[in-house]
Amino acid sequence: MPIVAHWTTLTEIEKLTESELLAGVIQETYEEGQLLKVIPATGISGKSLKWNREKTLPGGDFYDIGDSLDWKSDVDYDSVEFTLKRIIRQDQIDEFVAKTYNNLNDYKAVLLKGLVRGVARTAETKLLYGDASGKPKEFDGLHQLVTAGQAIDGGQTALSLKDLRDLVDLVRPRPDILLMNKALANRIDFAAQFGVTSADVNTIHQTGMTSFGQNEFGSRVTLFDGIPIVRSDYMTKEEENTGVIGTAPRVSDTTKAQYSILALRFGAIDEGGVSLLVGADTATTPDFFKIREFEALEDYDAGGIRLRAYMAIANGSTKSVAGLYDVTDAAVTM
């Protein structure tokens, strides 16, 4: 029996004590590869943005002396439209809790911080896997913007450096980043450091196209053909044979074993780049969401807070996005 001195049990002693509470909430969710931090934004005042893409270019003919010259009329365009979608989260601020909450913590500040990080996480996920065809209230994510001519099927095998090099060539004039999950990025790092085994001759080859640099914070960055590899926690495992290489939108599924890589060229829409479309009153990060507070909610002893943004992701040209699909977490091949 433990010695508890004057008291009958340890429970009685604990009634006379009080634990120390640290202010705030300790962060437990850490994620990398946010596009909202790096993608340029284009503000529009209407509900959508329209433009024309080149479809056919006029060609020339050769004529001999005395030939009749033909008048041509064979040029047309592809008209495209991207529509803003609305992402919202609103929560009550209970008056009783607000008035009695421990003064070490600002109840509203804790609530708002969690809301901003949580809704931003939703937005980041939809920037990749949004599907307006299946869920009309969403916008299409980057996987939906990849056209058949801009996709490479990895065949549900290990990453081929040949395929990765071909992916770079699909984005014109050149990608700004290669976006991928950490699993594939780590495979590329390993191949760069220790070489790649070629199955046909069973020898080690160096990956001369992979190098290492530093970002503005001094952290190491992997580059393939001089293009930064961005590790994204939002690029999850995916269901095989979905997306442009399949018959349905690309599906994020953490129980599967397939990965993808996206090559992106950022820029203004009129320059053909990938851009974030936002409403005219939607700011860019760090104050991306429009925040509105309600002092009193009818029929509730509570106020409220609402986060809202009008957004969509768009590519001026189809050549600014390309994808390599169905790659497994295995040793890199030539």
Foldseek 3Di string as FASTA:
>chain_A
DDDPDPDDDVVVVCVPDDDDDAEADDDDDDWFDFPLVPFAEDADADFKDKDWAWDDDDDDDDDDPPDDDDDDDDGDTDMDMFGWAKQKDKDWFFPVCQVPPDPSYRSVVNVVVVVLVVSSLVVRLQLAFPDCVVPVRGFHHQLQLAALQQEAEPPLEAAEVVVVVVNQVLAPPGFQEKEWAVLNVVLVVVCQVFAAQAVVVRDGDHQVQWDWDADPVRDIFIGGVNHTYTHGPSQAAWDPQAGNSHDHHTGHDNVDFKGKMKGAHHDDLVVQHKHKYWHNPQDRPPRRWDKDKAPDDPPHSTIMMMTMITIYIDTSHSSRMHMYINHGSDRYYD
